[in-house]
C-alpha atoms as a PDB file:
ATOM      1  CA  MET A   1      66.071 122.168  -6.991  1.00  0.00           C
ATOM      2  CA  ILE A   2      64.328 120.974 -10.158  1.00  0.00           C
ATOM      3  CA  PHE A   3      61.500 118.466  -9.802  1.00  0.00           C
ATOM      4  CA  LEU A   4      60.296 116.073 -12.495  1.00  0.00           C
ATOM      5  CA  ASP A   5      57.081 114.082 -12.304  1.00  0.00           C
ATOM      6  CA  THR A   6      57.690 110.353 -11.853  1.00  0.00           C
ATOM      7  CA  ASN A   7      54.706 109.224 -13.957  1.00  0.00           C
ATOM      8  CA  PRO A   8      56.277 108.948 -17.424  1.00  0.00           C
ATOM      9  CA  LEU A   9      59.887 108.596 -16.314  1.00  0.00           C
ATOM     10  CA  HIS A  10      59.729 105.981 -13.573  1.00  0.00           C
ATOM     11  CA  TYR A  11      58.429 103.235 -15.858  1.00  0.00           C
ATOM     12  CA  ASN A  12      61.309 103.703 -18.303  1.00  0.00           C
ATOM     13  CA  THR A  13      64.003 103.921 -15.634  1.00  0.00           C
ATOM     14  CA  ARG A  14      62.532 100.981 -13.738  1.00  0.00           C
ATOM     15  CA  PHE A  15      62.512  98.817 -16.877  1.00  0.00           C
ATOM     16  CA  TYR A  16      66.160  99.668 -17.684  1.00  0.00           C
ATOM     17  CA  PHE A  17      67.179  99.069 -14.068  1.00  0.00           C
ATOM     18  CA  LYS A  18      65.393  95.702 -14.006  1.00  0.00           C
ATOM     19  CA  GLU A  19      66.944  94.494 -17.260  1.00  0.00           C
ATOM     20  CA  ASN A  20      70.485  95.825 -16.878  1.00  0.00           C
ATOM     21  CA  ILE A  21      71.365  96.403 -13.235  1.00  0.00           C
ATOM     22  CA  MET A  22      69.098  94.289 -11.043  1.00  0.00           C
ATOM     23  CA  PRO A  23      70.537  90.938 -12.273  1.00  0.00           C
ATOM     24  CA  ASN A  24      73.902  91.958 -10.774  1.00  0.00           C
ATOM     25  CA  LEU A  25      72.393  92.672  -7.341  1.00  0.00           C
ATOM     26  CA  PRO A  26      71.425  90.238  -4.581  1.00  0.00           C
ATOM     27  CA  ASN A  27      67.862  88.980  -4.865  1.00  0.00           C
ATOM     28  CA  ASN A  28      66.272  91.078  -2.102  1.00  0.00           C
ATOM     29  CA  PHE A  29      64.293  94.273  -1.834  1.00  0.00           C
ATOM     30  CA  ASP A  30      66.888  96.140   0.221  1.00  0.00           C
ATOM     31  CA  ALA A  31      69.571  95.664  -2.436  1.00  0.00           C
ATOM     32  CA  TRP A  32      67.152  96.747  -5.186  1.00  0.00           C
ATOM     33  CA  TYR A  33      66.007  99.770  -3.189  1.00  0.00           C
ATOM     34  CA  GLU A  34      69.558 100.954  -2.465  1.00  0.00           C
ATOM     35  CA  GLY A  35      70.818  99.979  -5.912  1.00  0.00           C
ATOM     36  CA  TYR A  36      68.114 102.007  -7.653  1.00  0.00           C
ATOM     37  CA  ARG A  37      68.879 105.068  -5.546  1.00  0.00           C
ATOM     38  CA  SER A  38      72.615 104.725  -6.157  1.00  0.00           C
ATOM     39  CA  TRP A  39      72.058 104.375  -9.891  1.00  0.00           C
ATOM     40  CA  LEU A  40      69.842 107.479  -9.909  1.00  0.00           C
ATOM     41  CA  ALA A  41      72.402 109.394  -7.834  1.00  0.00           C
ATOM     42  CA  GLU A  42      75.022 108.679 -10.516  1.00  0.00           C
ATOM     43  CA  GLN A  43      72.758 110.646 -12.861  1.00  0.00           C
ATOM     44  CA  GLY A  44      72.372 113.545 -10.415  1.00  0.00           C
ATOM     45  CA  CYS A  45      68.907 112.443  -9.349  1.00  0.00           C
ATOM     46  CA  GLU A  46      67.270 111.713  -6.019  1.00  0.00           C
ATOM     47  CA  ILE A  47      63.761 110.594  -5.169  1.00  0.00           C
ATOM     48  CA  ILE A  48      61.756 113.224  -3.321  1.00  0.00           C
ATOM     49  CA  LYS A  49      58.889 111.793  -1.286  1.00  0.00           C
ATOM     50  CA  HIS A  50      55.828 114.005  -1.724  1.00  0.00           C
ATOM     51  CA  GLU A  51      53.697 111.824   0.539  1.00  0.00           C
ATOM     52  CA  PRO A  52      56.061 110.174   3.063  1.00  0.00           C
ATOM     53  CA  LYS A  53      53.498 107.542   4.047  1.00  0.00           C
ATOM     54  CA  SER A  54      52.455 106.574   0.517  1.00  0.00           C
ATOM     55  CA  LEU A  55      53.048 103.005  -0.582  1.00  0.00           C
ATOM     56  CA  GLY A  56      55.715 102.402  -3.182  1.00  0.00           C
ATOM     57  CA  ASP A  57      56.818  99.641  -5.494  1.00  0.00           C
ATOM     58  CA  ALA A  58      59.772  97.301  -4.815  1.00  0.00           C
ATOM     59  CA  LEU A  59      62.128 100.183  -5.607  1.00  0.00           C
ATOM     60  CA  GLY A  60      60.391 102.454  -3.086  1.00  0.00           C
ATOM     61  CA  VAL A  61      58.785 104.839  -5.569  1.00  0.00           C
ATOM     62  CA  SER A  62      55.143 105.914  -5.407  1.00  0.00           C
ATOM     63  CA  THR A  63      54.549 106.745  -9.049  1.00  0.00           C
ATOM     64  CA  GLY A  64      52.487 109.892  -9.397  1.00  0.00           C
ATOM     65  CA  TYR A  65      53.230 111.027  -5.843  1.00  0.00           C
ATOM     66  CA  ASP A  66      57.024 111.144  -5.684  1.00  0.00           C
ATOM     67  CA  TRP A  67      59.297 113.341  -7.758  1.00  0.00           C
ATOM     68  CA  PHE A  68      62.736 113.018  -9.254  1.00  0.00           C
ATOM     69  CA  GLY A  69      64.792 115.895  -7.849  1.00  0.00           C
ATOM     70  CA  PHE A  70      67.908 117.481  -9.330  1.00  0.00           C
ATOM     71  CA  VAL A  71      70.275 120.162  -8.072  1.00  0.00           C
ATOM     72  CA  ASN A  72      71.612 120.972 -11.557  1.00  0.00           C
ATOM     73  CA  ASP A  73      69.483 122.024 -14.521  1.00  0.00           C
ATOM     74  CA  GLN A  74      71.799 120.122 -16.862  1.00  0.00           C
ATOM     75  CA  ASP A  75      71.305 116.836 -14.994  1.00  0.00           C
ATOM     76  CA  ALA A  76      67.531 117.266 -15.110  1.00  0.00           C
ATOM     77  CA  THR A  77      67.586 118.031 -18.836  1.00  0.00           C
ATOM     78  CA  LEU A  78      69.786 115.041 -19.676  1.00  0.00           C
ATOM     79  CA  PHE A  79      67.675 112.760 -17.484  1.00  0.00           C
ATOM     80  CA  LEU A  80      64.470 113.951 -19.143  1.00  0.00           C
ATOM     81  CA  LEU A  81      65.891 113.502 -22.635  1.00  0.00           C
ATOM     82  CA  LYS A  82      67.306 110.075 -21.864  1.00  0.00           C
ATOM     83  CA  TRP A  83      64.314 108.547 -20.077  1.00  0.00           C
ATOM     84  CA  SER A  84      61.301 110.149 -21.815  1.00  0.00           C
END
């Protein structure tokens, strides 16, 4: 599995998600949390909790502690190029 640091990438993905996908979801944290994970999964990405008890934002990500994980090198490369 390939791991990418969430620091530089989470802000960009979160902004895109907020502007383009969140308006189509119900206005509650559960929908945002699941919607963000589903959207990342479409890109071959999953959030890996480094510190399971760390606090996260409304999307459930603890920036700087969690990682973006990928099974395929190609998915990780495309994700990095797209969201850097």
